Structure formats: structure tokens, C-alpha cells
Amino acid sequence: MSTSAFNDITDAGLLEHYYADGNNEWLGILMQRYTLLLYGVCMKYLKHEEEAKDAVQQIFLKAIAELQKYPVTYFKSWLYMVARNYCLMQLRDKGKSTLQVTEKMMASEPDENNGIFHHLQKDATFSALNEALEALNAEQKQCIVLFYLQKKSYNEIAVLTGYTIMQIKSYIQNGKRNLKISMEKKMKENKV
């Protein structure tokens, strides 16, 4: 299956197809939509490129296993929580202190009455960011991903892409501006 042919199918639609016929290709299409952002979440917690890449693969496997057990309604927010919990467990298993991270996060967590609203807000933000990132031109997207998600320096990006340092700075600056504009527009649309 070509994933671009299914861009117009919603996450819920892809899940419906999966639950109807059990074909893992539907999940593959769904998960491919969130690979970059999932990688960003893993980098945020694990701080190492290889660990983050490995974590993304493990999270995908865990998500597939969990989706076979029970239906999920809000896929993006559910996947975010799976990723977050996986990363926190990795940190705990490595003996790193997660106390600071969890206390900081718990301070911003909603109580049970606001949980659904909180997940919907995260879902909307996650969706808007994904759409905004996908809407960037190829050069801007590549430089933004390399610089912010993969934590590459300007020099490393220049070696990987062949762009000059000035081009890279321009792509990142323009990409950030375009992301901000797109995110603000999308979030306003979601509030209406």
C-alpha cells in the first residue's frame, strides 16, 4: 500500500479498517503519520539519538500489541501516553532519577475531571504540529527535523545536506516562522 494514497483517511478511519480486517498495514500507515513527532517525544526524554530511534521501534511494537487487545478512540493522545510511559520506564530502568521529570509533569497534569479535555487539547496540538511540519517545504522540514529533533549542529547539517550554513540558518528561521503561523492558524480553527 502506498501511504500517500490514504492521506485523506482519518486516524479513526484507519483504526476502523484495522479492527474490521486485522491487516497490520493499516496500523503501519497510521503509525507512519506520527513517526517524526514520536521521535521528538523520545528525544525529549531520552536525550540520545540511537536510544530515541530504538524507543520509537519498541513503542510501535508495544502499540500494535495493545491495539490488538482493546480499541482506542483518541489514537494520537493514546500513542503520546504510550511513548511517554515507555521513555519514563527506560529512564527508571537505567537508574536515572525520574523524580524531577515526573514531579514537573505531575504539576501540569489535570485532575480526573479534566482528563478528557486535557487529552483533547494535547491531541489538537499534536495534530496541528504534525500538519504544520508536513506543510513545510522539503528544505525547511529537513533542517528543522535535523536541528530540533535530531539535535544536529549547523556544521553536521551542512555535511548531511550539502547546504551552506547561511542556507541552513535561513531554512530553520523561515521554517520556524511558518510552523508558528500554521500552528496559530490551526489552533484558532480548532477553537471555533
N, C-alpha and C. Protein backbone atom coordinates (compact mmCIF):
# COMPACT_ATOMS: atom_id res chain seq x y z
N MET A 1 0.84 -1.19 0.00
CA MET A 1 0.00 0.00 0.00
C MET A 1 0.87 1.24 0.00
N SER A 2 0.51 2.20 -0.83
CA SER A 2 1.20 3.49 -0.81
C SER A 2 0.53 4.34 0.25
N THR A 3 1.32 4.84 1.22
CA THR A 3 0.72 5.58 2.33
C THR A 3 0.12 6.90 1.89
N SER A 4 0.66 7.53 0.84
CA SER A 4 0.13 8.82 0.39
C SER A 4 -1.29 8.67 -0.15
N ALA A 5 -1.64 7.48 -0.61
CA ALA A 5 -2.99 7.25 -1.14
C ALA A 5 -4.04 7.28 -0.02
N PHE A 6 -3.59 7.21 1.23
CA PHE A 6 -4.52 7.14 2.36
C PHE A 6 -4.48 8.40 3.23
N ASN A 7 -3.90 9.48 2.70
CA ASN A 7 -3.79 10.71 3.49
C ASN A 7 -5.14 11.30 3.87
N ASP A 8 -6.17 11.03 3.07
CA ASP A 8 -7.48 11.60 3.35
C ASP A 8 -8.28 10.76 4.35
N ILE A 9 -7.77 9.59 4.73
CA ILE A 9 -8.46 8.77 5.73
C ILE A 9 -8.02 9.23 7.12
N THR A 10 -8.98 9.46 7.98
CA THR A 10 -8.67 9.91 9.34
C THR A 10 -8.04 8.77 10.14
N ASP A 11 -7.46 9.14 11.28
CA ASP A 11 -6.91 8.12 12.18
C ASP A 11 -7.99 7.12 12.57
N ALA A 12 -9.17 7.64 12.91
CA ALA A 12 -10.28 6.78 13.31
C ALA A 12 -10.66 5.84 12.16
N GLY A 13 -10.63 6.34 10.94
CA GLY A 13 -10.95 5.52 9.77
C GLY A 13 -9.96 4.39 9.58
N LEU A 14 -8.67 4.71 9.76
CA LEU A 14 -7.64 3.68 9.63
C LEU A 14 -7.80 2.61 10.72
N LEU A 15 -8.14 3.06 11.94
CA LEU A 15 -8.37 2.10 13.02
C LEU A 15 -9.58 1.22 12.72
N GLU A 16 -10.62 1.82 12.16
CA GLU A 16 -11.81 1.04 11.80
C GLU A 16 -11.45 -0.05 10.79
N HIS A 17 -10.67 0.32 9.77
CA HIS A 17 -10.22 -0.66 8.78
C HIS A 17 -9.43 -1.79 9.47
N TYR A 18 -8.54 -1.39 10.37
CA TYR A 18 -7.72 -2.39 11.07
C TYR A 18 -8.60 -3.34 11.90
N TYR A 19 -9.52 -2.75 12.68
CA TYR A 19 -10.37 -3.59 13.52
C TYR A 19 -11.31 -4.46 12.68
N ALA A 20 -11.63 -4.01 11.46
CA ALA A 20 -12.52 -4.79 10.58
C ALA A 20 -11.82 -5.99 9.95
N ASP A 21 -10.57 -5.78 9.47
CA ASP A 21 -9.92 -6.89 8.76
C ASP A 21 -8.62 -7.41 9.40
N GLY A 22 -8.14 -6.73 10.47
CA GLY A 22 -6.95 -7.21 11.17
C GLY A 22 -5.65 -7.04 10.40
N ASN A 23 -5.67 -6.28 9.29
CA ASN A 23 -4.49 -6.08 8.46
C ASN A 23 -3.57 -5.04 9.11
N ASN A 24 -2.35 -5.47 9.48
CA ASN A 24 -1.40 -4.57 10.14
C ASN A 24 -0.93 -3.42 9.26
N GLU A 25 -1.16 -3.50 7.96
CA GLU A 25 -0.75 -2.40 7.07
C GLU A 25 -1.51 -1.12 7.41
N TRP A 26 -2.74 -1.25 7.88
CA TRP A 26 -3.50 -0.06 8.30
C TRP A 26 -2.78 0.62 9.47
N LEU A 27 -2.29 -0.18 10.40
CA LEU A 27 -1.55 0.38 11.54
C LEU A 27 -0.23 0.98 11.08
N GLY A 28 0.40 0.36 10.09
CA GLY A 28 1.65 0.90 9.54
C GLY A 28 1.45 2.30 8.98
N ILE A 29 0.36 2.48 8.24
CA ILE A 29 0.04 3.80 7.68
C ILE A 29 -0.20 4.79 8.80
N LEU A 30 -0.96 4.36 9.79
CA LEU A 30 -1.29 5.22 10.92
C LEU A 30 -0.04 5.62 11.70
N MET A 31 0.80 4.67 11.98
CA MET A 31 1.99 4.96 12.79
C MET A 31 3.01 5.80 12.02
N GLN A 32 3.06 5.61 10.69
CA GLN A 32 3.99 6.41 9.89
C GLN A 32 3.67 7.90 10.00
N ARG A 33 2.40 8.22 10.19
CA ARG A 33 1.99 9.62 10.33
C ARG A 33 2.67 10.29 11.52
N TYR A 34 2.98 9.51 12.54
CA TYR A 34 3.46 10.09 13.79
C TYR A 34 4.90 9.73 14.13
N THR A 35 5.63 9.19 13.17
CA THR A 35 7.00 8.77 13.43
C THR A 35 7.87 9.93 13.87
N LEU A 36 7.83 11.05 13.14
CA LEU A 36 8.68 12.19 13.47
C LEU A 36 8.36 12.77 14.84
N LEU A 37 7.09 12.95 15.11
CA LEU A 37 6.72 13.53 16.39
C LEU A 37 6.99 12.56 17.54
N LEU A 38 6.81 11.28 17.29
CA LEU A 38 7.12 10.28 18.30
C LEU A 38 8.62 10.30 18.59
N TYR A 39 9.41 10.44 17.54
CA TYR A 39 10.86 10.54 17.71
C TYR A 39 11.20 11.77 18.56
N GLY A 40 10.51 12.87 18.32
CA GLY A 40 10.74 14.08 19.10
C GLY A 40 10.44 13.88 20.57
N VAL A 41 9.35 13.18 20.87
CA VAL A 41 8.99 12.88 22.27
C VAL A 41 10.10 12.04 22.91
N CYS A 42 10.55 11.03 22.19
CA CYS A 42 11.61 10.15 22.72
C CYS A 42 12.91 10.92 22.94
N MET A 43 13.25 11.82 22.03
CA MET A 43 14.47 12.64 22.19
C MET A 43 14.34 13.53 23.42
N LYS A 44 13.16 14.06 23.65
CA LYS A 44 12.93 14.94 24.79
C LYS A 44 13.26 14.22 26.10
N TYR A 45 12.85 12.97 26.21
CA TYR A 45 13.07 12.23 27.44
C TYR A 45 14.43 11.54 27.49
N LEU A 46 14.81 10.88 26.41
CA LEU A 46 15.99 10.01 26.44
C LEU A 46 17.28 10.74 26.10
N LYS A 47 17.20 11.83 25.35
CA LYS A 47 18.33 12.72 25.04
C LYS A 47 19.41 12.11 24.14
N HIS A 48 19.24 10.88 23.67
CA HIS A 48 20.24 10.24 22.81
C HIS A 48 19.56 9.74 21.55
N GLU A 49 20.16 10.06 20.41
CA GLU A 49 19.56 9.77 19.12
C GLU A 49 19.28 8.28 18.92
N GLU A 50 20.28 7.43 19.19
CA GLU A 50 20.10 5.99 18.97
C GLU A 50 19.06 5.41 19.93
N GLU A 51 19.09 5.85 21.19
CA GLU A 51 18.09 5.38 22.16
C GLU A 51 16.69 5.80 21.72
N ALA A 52 16.58 7.01 21.20
CA ALA A 52 15.28 7.50 20.76
C ALA A 52 14.77 6.70 19.56
N LYS A 53 15.67 6.40 18.63
CA LYS A 53 15.27 5.60 17.46
C LYS A 53 14.82 4.20 17.89
N ASP A 54 15.58 3.59 18.80
CA ASP A 54 15.20 2.27 19.31
C ASP A 54 13.86 2.34 20.04
N ALA A 55 13.68 3.40 20.80
CA ALA A 55 12.45 3.56 21.56
C ALA A 55 11.24 3.66 20.63
N VAL A 56 11.38 4.40 19.53
CA VAL A 56 10.29 4.54 18.57
C VAL A 56 9.87 3.16 18.06
N GLN A 57 10.85 2.33 17.72
CA GLN A 57 10.54 0.98 17.24
C GLN A 57 9.83 0.16 18.31
N GLN A 58 10.32 0.24 19.54
CA GLN A 58 9.71 -0.53 20.63
C GLN A 58 8.30 -0.03 20.94
N ILE A 59 8.11 1.27 20.85
CA ILE A 59 6.78 1.84 21.10
C ILE A 59 5.81 1.39 20.02
N PHE A 60 6.26 1.35 18.77
CA PHE A 60 5.40 0.85 17.70
C PHE A 60 4.98 -0.59 17.96
N LEU A 61 5.94 -1.43 18.37
CA LEU A 61 5.62 -2.83 18.65
C LEU A 61 4.64 -2.95 19.82
N LYS A 62 4.89 -2.15 20.85
CA LYS A 62 4.00 -2.15 22.02
C LYS A 62 2.61 -1.67 21.62
N ALA A 63 2.55 -0.63 20.80
CA ALA A 63 1.26 -0.07 20.36
C ALA A 63 0.48 -1.11 19.56
N ILE A 64 1.16 -1.82 18.66
CA ILE A 64 0.48 -2.85 17.86
C ILE A 64 -0.10 -3.93 18.77
N ALA A 65 0.70 -4.37 19.74
CA ALA A 65 0.23 -5.41 20.68
C ALA A 65 -0.97 -4.92 21.48
N GLU A 66 -0.92 -3.66 21.95
CA GLU A 66 -2.02 -3.11 22.75
C GLU A 66 -3.27 -2.91 21.91
N LEU A 67 -3.10 -2.46 20.67
CA LEU A 67 -4.27 -2.22 19.80
C LEU A 67 -4.98 -3.52 19.46
N GLN A 68 -4.26 -4.65 19.51
CA GLN A 68 -4.90 -5.94 19.26
C GLN A 68 -5.75 -6.38 20.44
N LYS A 69 -5.44 -5.84 21.62
CA LYS A 69 -6.16 -6.25 22.83
C LYS A 69 -7.45 -5.45 23.05
N TYR A 70 -7.40 -4.15 22.77
CA TYR A 70 -8.58 -3.32 23.03
C TYR A 70 -8.62 -2.13 22.08
N PRO A 71 -9.84 -1.63 21.80
CA PRO A 71 -9.96 -0.50 20.87
C PRO A 71 -9.52 0.82 21.51
N VAL A 72 -8.98 1.69 20.68
CA VAL A 72 -8.52 3.01 21.11
C VAL A 72 -9.33 4.05 20.36
N THR A 73 -9.75 5.09 21.05
CA THR A 73 -10.56 6.14 20.43
C THR A 73 -9.70 7.31 19.96
N TYR A 74 -8.93 7.89 20.85
CA TYR A 74 -8.09 9.05 20.53
C TYR A 74 -6.66 8.57 20.31
N PHE A 75 -6.36 8.15 19.09
CA PHE A 75 -5.10 7.47 18.81
C PHE A 75 -3.88 8.33 19.13
N LYS A 76 -3.86 9.59 18.69
CA LYS A 76 -2.66 10.43 18.86
C LYS A 76 -2.33 10.64 20.33
N SER A 77 -3.33 10.98 21.12
CA SER A 77 -3.05 11.21 22.54
C SER A 77 -2.71 9.90 23.24
N TRP A 78 -3.34 8.81 22.81
CA TRP A 78 -3.03 7.50 23.38
C TRP A 78 -1.58 7.13 23.05
N LEU A 79 -1.15 7.32 21.81
CA LEU A 79 0.21 7.00 21.40
C LEU A 79 1.22 7.86 22.16
N TYR A 80 0.88 9.12 22.38
CA TYR A 80 1.75 10.02 23.15
C TYR A 80 1.95 9.46 24.56
N MET A 81 0.86 9.01 25.18
CA MET A 81 0.95 8.48 26.54
C MET A 81 1.77 7.18 26.56
N VAL A 82 1.60 6.33 25.56
CA VAL A 82 2.39 5.10 25.48
C VAL A 82 3.87 5.46 25.38
N ALA A 83 4.19 6.45 24.53
CA ALA A 83 5.58 6.87 24.34
C ALA A 83 6.15 7.46 25.63
N ARG A 84 5.40 8.30 26.25
CA ARG A 84 5.86 8.96 27.48
C ARG A 84 6.12 7.91 28.56
N ASN A 85 5.18 7.01 28.75
CA ASN A 85 5.35 5.97 29.76
C ASN A 85 6.53 5.06 29.45
N TYR A 86 6.70 4.72 28.18
CA TYR A 86 7.82 3.88 27.78
C TYR A 86 9.15 4.58 28.11
N CYS A 87 9.26 5.85 27.75
CA CYS A 87 10.50 6.59 28.00
C CYS A 87 10.78 6.71 29.49
N LEU A 88 9.75 6.97 30.28
CA LEU A 88 9.94 7.08 31.73
C LEU A 88 10.40 5.74 32.32
N MET A 89 9.85 4.65 31.80
CA MET A 89 10.28 3.33 32.27
C MET A 89 11.74 3.06 31.87
N GLN A 90 12.13 3.49 30.68
CA GLN A 90 13.52 3.34 30.25
C GLN A 90 14.46 4.10 31.17
N LEU A 91 14.07 5.30 31.52
CA LEU A 91 14.90 6.11 32.42
C LEU A 91 14.97 5.46 33.80
N ARG A 92 13.86 4.96 34.27
CA ARG A 92 13.81 4.31 35.58
C ARG A 92 14.69 3.05 35.56
N ASP A 93 14.58 2.26 34.50
CA ASP A 93 15.37 1.02 34.40
C ASP A 93 16.87 1.29 34.35
N LYS A 94 17.24 2.43 33.78
CA LYS A 94 18.66 2.77 33.68
C LYS A 94 19.18 3.35 34.99
N GLY A 95 18.30 3.51 35.95
CA GLY A 95 18.73 4.03 37.24
C GLY A 95 18.78 5.54 37.30
N LYS A 96 18.31 6.19 36.24
CA LYS A 96 18.29 7.64 36.26
C LYS A 96 17.13 8.09 37.13
N SER A 97 17.29 9.19 37.76
CA SER A 97 16.22 9.71 38.60
C SER A 97 15.14 10.32 37.72
N THR A 98 13.94 9.80 37.85
CA THR A 98 12.82 10.37 37.11
C THR A 98 11.98 11.25 38.01
N LEU A 99 12.41 11.41 39.25
CA LEU A 99 11.63 12.18 40.21
C LEU A 99 11.39 13.60 39.72
N GLN A 100 12.43 14.28 39.24
CA GLN A 100 12.27 15.65 38.77
C GLN A 100 11.30 15.71 37.59
N VAL A 101 11.47 14.82 36.65
CA VAL A 101 10.64 14.82 35.46
C VAL A 101 9.18 14.57 35.83
N THR A 102 8.93 13.55 36.65
CA THR A 102 7.55 13.21 36.96
C THR A 102 6.91 14.28 37.83
N GLU A 103 7.66 14.83 38.77
CA GLU A 103 7.08 15.90 39.59
C GLU A 103 6.71 17.10 38.74
N LYS A 104 7.59 17.45 37.83
CA LYS A 104 7.33 18.58 36.94
C LYS A 104 6.11 18.30 36.08
N MET A 105 6.03 17.09 35.57
CA MET A 105 4.90 16.73 34.71
C MET A 105 3.61 16.63 35.51
N MET A 106 3.71 16.08 36.71
CA MET A 106 2.51 15.92 37.52
C MET A 106 1.92 17.28 37.90
N ALA A 107 2.77 18.27 38.04
CA ALA A 107 2.29 19.61 38.37
C ALA A 107 1.39 20.15 37.27
N SER A 108 1.63 19.71 36.03
CA SER A 108 0.83 20.22 34.92
C SER A 108 -0.26 19.24 34.50
N GLU A 109 -0.33 18.07 35.17
CA GLU A 109 -1.35 17.09 34.81
C GLU A 109 -2.70 17.52 35.38
N PRO A 110 -3.76 17.28 34.63
CA PRO A 110 -5.08 17.64 35.11
C PRO A 110 -5.60 16.63 36.11
N ASP A 111 -6.61 17.03 36.89
CA ASP A 111 -7.24 16.03 37.76
C ASP A 111 -8.14 15.16 36.90
N GLU A 112 -8.74 14.15 37.50
CA GLU A 112 -9.51 13.18 36.72
C GLU A 112 -10.68 13.83 35.98
N ASN A 113 -11.28 14.86 36.54
CA ASN A 113 -12.42 15.51 35.90
C ASN A 113 -12.04 16.23 34.62
N ASN A 114 -10.80 16.69 34.53
CA ASN A 114 -10.35 17.42 33.35
C ASN A 114 -9.54 16.55 32.40
N GLY A 115 -9.39 15.27 32.68
CA GLY A 115 -8.55 14.38 31.89
C GLY A 115 -8.91 14.32 30.42
N ILE A 116 -10.18 14.18 30.12
CA ILE A 116 -10.61 14.07 28.72
C ILE A 116 -10.31 15.38 27.99
N PHE A 117 -10.62 16.50 28.61
CA PHE A 117 -10.35 17.81 27.99
C PHE A 117 -8.85 17.97 27.73
N HIS A 118 -8.04 17.56 28.72
CA HIS A 118 -6.59 17.66 28.58
C HIS A 118 -6.09 16.83 27.39
N HIS A 119 -6.60 15.60 27.27
CA HIS A 119 -6.20 14.74 26.16
C HIS A 119 -6.64 15.33 24.82
N LEU A 120 -7.80 15.92 24.77
CA LEU A 120 -8.28 16.54 23.54
C LEU A 120 -7.39 17.72 23.15
N GLN A 121 -6.98 18.51 24.15
CA GLN A 121 -6.08 19.63 23.88
C GLN A 121 -4.74 19.13 23.34
N LYS A 122 -4.16 18.11 23.97
CA LYS A 122 -2.89 17.55 23.50
C LYS A 122 -3.05 16.99 22.10
N ASP A 123 -4.17 16.33 21.87
CA ASP A 123 -4.46 15.73 20.58
C ASP A 123 -4.49 16.81 19.49
N ALA A 124 -5.17 17.92 19.79
CA ALA A 124 -5.27 19.01 18.81
C ALA A 124 -3.90 19.64 18.55
N THR A 125 -3.11 19.84 19.58
CA THR A 125 -1.78 20.42 19.43
C THR A 125 -0.87 19.48 18.64
N PHE A 126 -0.90 18.22 18.99
CA PHE A 126 -0.11 17.19 18.32
C PHE A 126 -0.47 17.14 16.83
N SER A 127 -1.76 17.18 16.55
CA SER A 127 -2.24 17.12 15.17
C SER A 127 -1.82 18.37 14.39
N ALA A 128 -1.99 19.53 15.02
CA ALA A 128 -1.63 20.79 14.35
C ALA A 128 -0.13 20.85 14.05
N LEU A 129 0.69 20.40 15.00
CA LEU A 129 2.13 20.41 14.80
C LEU A 129 2.53 19.45 13.68
N ASN A 130 1.92 18.28 13.66
CA ASN A 130 2.21 17.31 12.61
C ASN A 130 1.85 17.88 11.24
N GLU A 131 0.66 18.47 11.12
CA GLU A 131 0.22 19.06 9.86
C GLU A 131 1.13 20.22 9.44
N ALA A 132 1.49 21.04 10.41
CA ALA A 132 2.36 22.19 10.12
C ALA A 132 3.73 21.73 9.63
N LEU A 133 4.27 20.71 10.27
CA LEU A 133 5.57 20.18 9.87
C LEU A 133 5.51 19.59 8.47
N GLU A 134 4.45 18.86 8.18
CA GLU A 134 4.29 18.25 6.86
C GLU A 134 4.08 19.31 5.77
N ALA A 135 3.55 20.48 6.14
CA ALA A 135 3.27 21.53 5.16
C ALA A 135 4.51 22.34 4.78
N LEU A 136 5.58 22.22 5.56
CA LEU A 136 6.81 22.96 5.23
C LEU A 136 7.40 22.43 3.92
N ASN A 137 8.17 23.31 3.25
CA ASN A 137 8.85 22.80 2.05
C ASN A 137 9.94 21.82 2.50
N ALA A 138 10.43 21.03 1.56
CA ALA A 138 11.34 19.93 1.88
C ALA A 138 12.59 20.40 2.61
N GLU A 139 13.18 21.52 2.18
CA GLU A 139 14.42 22.01 2.78
C GLU A 139 14.18 22.46 4.22
N GLN A 140 13.09 23.23 4.43
CA GLN A 140 12.78 23.70 5.78
C GLN A 140 12.50 22.52 6.71
N LYS A 141 11.69 21.59 6.25
CA LYS A 141 11.34 20.43 7.07
C LYS A 141 12.59 19.64 7.44
N GLN A 142 13.45 19.40 6.45
CA GLN A 142 14.67 18.62 6.69
C GLN A 142 15.56 19.31 7.73
N CYS A 143 15.75 20.61 7.58
CA CYS A 143 16.62 21.34 8.52
C CYS A 143 16.00 21.42 9.92
N ILE A 144 14.70 21.63 10.00
CA ILE A 144 14.01 21.68 11.30
C ILE A 144 14.14 20.34 12.01
N VAL A 145 13.90 19.24 11.29
CA VAL A 145 13.98 17.90 11.89
C VAL A 145 15.41 17.62 12.35
N LEU A 146 16.39 17.91 11.50
CA LEU A 146 17.78 17.64 11.86
C LEU A 146 18.23 18.49 13.05
N PHE A 147 17.84 19.77 13.07
CA PHE A 147 18.31 20.67 14.11
C PHE A 147 17.58 20.46 15.43
N TYR A 148 16.26 20.42 15.41
CA TYR A 148 15.50 20.36 16.66
C TYR A 148 15.23 18.94 17.16
N LEU A 149 14.91 18.02 16.25
CA LEU A 149 14.58 16.68 16.70
C LEU A 149 15.81 15.78 16.82
N GLN A 150 16.75 15.94 15.88
CA GLN A 150 17.94 15.09 15.93
C GLN A 150 19.13 15.79 16.57
N LYS A 151 18.94 17.05 16.97
CA LYS A 151 19.95 17.82 17.70
C LYS A 151 21.28 17.94 16.96
N LYS A 152 21.22 18.08 15.63
CA LYS A 152 22.43 18.24 14.83
C LYS A 152 22.86 19.71 14.84
N SER A 153 24.16 19.94 14.74
CA SER A 153 24.69 21.30 14.65
C SER A 153 24.56 21.79 13.21
N TYR A 154 24.77 23.08 13.00
CA TYR A 154 24.75 23.63 11.64
C TYR A 154 25.78 22.91 10.76
N ASN A 155 26.97 22.68 11.31
CA ASN A 155 28.01 22.02 10.53
C ASN A 155 27.62 20.59 10.16
N GLU A 156 27.02 19.87 11.12
CA GLU A 156 26.59 18.50 10.83
C GLU A 156 25.51 18.49 9.75
N ILE A 157 24.59 19.45 9.83
CA ILE A 157 23.52 19.54 8.84
C ILE A 157 24.11 19.85 7.46
N ALA A 158 25.11 20.74 7.44
CA ALA A 158 25.76 21.09 6.17
C ALA A 158 26.40 19.85 5.53
N VAL A 159 27.04 19.02 6.34
CA VAL A 159 27.67 17.81 5.82
C VAL A 159 26.60 16.85 5.29
N LEU A 160 25.51 16.71 6.04
CA LEU A 160 24.45 15.76 5.66
C LEU A 160 23.67 16.20 4.42
N THR A 161 23.46 17.51 4.28
CA THR A 161 22.56 18.01 3.23
C THR A 161 23.28 18.65 2.05
N GLY A 162 24.47 19.18 2.28
CA GLY A 162 25.16 19.91 1.23
C GLY A 162 24.77 21.38 1.19
N TYR A 163 23.89 21.82 2.08
CA TYR A 163 23.50 23.24 2.15
C TYR A 163 24.62 24.03 2.82
N THR A 164 24.69 25.32 2.50
CA THR A 164 25.63 26.20 3.19
C THR A 164 25.06 26.54 4.57
N ILE A 165 25.92 27.03 5.45
CA ILE A 165 25.47 27.43 6.79
C ILE A 165 24.40 28.53 6.69
N MET A 166 24.60 29.46 5.78
CA MET A 166 23.62 30.54 5.60
C MET A 166 22.27 29.98 5.13
N GLN A 167 22.30 29.02 4.21
CA GLN A 167 21.05 28.40 3.76
C GLN A 167 20.36 27.68 4.92
N ILE A 168 21.13 26.96 5.71
CA ILE A 168 20.57 26.22 6.84
C ILE A 168 19.91 27.17 7.82
N LYS A 169 20.61 28.26 8.17
CA LYS A 169 20.03 29.25 9.09
C LYS A 169 18.74 29.82 8.52
N SER A 170 18.74 30.10 7.24
CA SER A 170 17.56 30.65 6.58
C SER A 170 16.41 29.64 6.59
N TYR A 171 16.69 28.38 6.25
CA TYR A 171 15.65 27.34 6.24
C TYR A 171 15.06 27.15 7.65
N ILE A 172 15.92 27.17 8.66
CA ILE A 172 15.44 26.98 10.03
C ILE A 172 14.61 28.18 10.47
N GLN A 173 15.11 29.39 10.20
CA GLN A 173 14.38 30.60 10.59
C GLN A 173 13.03 30.67 9.89
N ASN A 174 13.02 30.46 8.58
CA ASN A 174 11.76 30.51 7.84
C ASN A 174 10.84 29.36 8.22
N GLY A 175 11.43 28.19 8.46
CA GLY A 175 10.64 27.04 8.88
C GLY A 175 9.97 27.28 10.22
N LYS A 176 10.71 27.84 11.17
CA LYS A 176 10.13 28.16 12.49
C LYS A 176 8.98 29.14 12.34
N ARG A 177 9.20 30.18 11.54
CA ARG A 177 8.15 31.18 11.33
C ARG A 177 6.91 30.53 10.70
N ASN A 178 7.12 29.70 9.68
CA ASN A 178 5.99 29.04 9.02
C ASN A 178 5.27 28.07 9.95
N LEU A 179 6.03 27.36 10.79
CA LEU A 179 5.41 26.48 11.78
C LEU A 179 4.54 27.27 12.74
N LYS A 180 5.07 28.39 13.21
CA LYS A 180 4.33 29.22 14.17
C LYS A 180 3.04 29.73 13.54
N ILE A 181 3.13 30.25 12.33
CA ILE A 181 1.95 30.78 11.64
C ILE A 181 0.92 29.67 11.44
N SER A 182 1.38 28.54 10.97
CA SER A 182 0.49 27.42 10.71
C SER A 182 -0.15 26.90 12.00
N MET A 183 0.63 26.80 13.07
CA MET A 183 0.11 26.33 14.36
C MET A 183 -0.94 27.29 14.91
N GLU A 184 -0.64 28.60 14.86
CA GLU A 184 -1.60 29.59 15.36
C GLU A 184 -2.91 29.52 14.58
N LYS A 185 -2.79 29.40 13.26
CA LYS A 185 -3.98 29.32 12.42
C LYS A 185 -4.78 28.06 12.75
N LYS A 186 -4.11 26.94 12.87
CA LYS A 186 -4.77 25.67 13.15
C LYS A 186 -5.44 25.68 14.51
N MET A 187 -4.76 26.23 15.50
CA MET A 187 -5.32 26.26 16.86
C MET A 187 -6.54 27.18 16.91
N LYS A 188 -6.52 28.28 16.15
CA LYS A 188 -7.69 29.16 16.10
C LYS A 188 -8.87 28.43 15.46
N GLU A 189 -8.59 27.68 14.38
CA GLU A 189 -9.65 26.91 13.72
C GLU A 189 -10.26 25.90 14.67
N ASN A 190 -9.44 25.28 15.51
CA ASN A 190 -9.92 24.26 16.44
C ASN A 190 -10.76 24.84 17.56
N LYS A 191 -10.54 26.12 17.88
CA LYS A 191 -11.30 26.76 18.96
C LYS A 191 -12.67 27.20 18.49
N VAL A 192 -12.81 27.42 17.17
CA VAL A 192 -14.08 27.92 16.64
C VAL A 192 -15.13 26.84 16.66
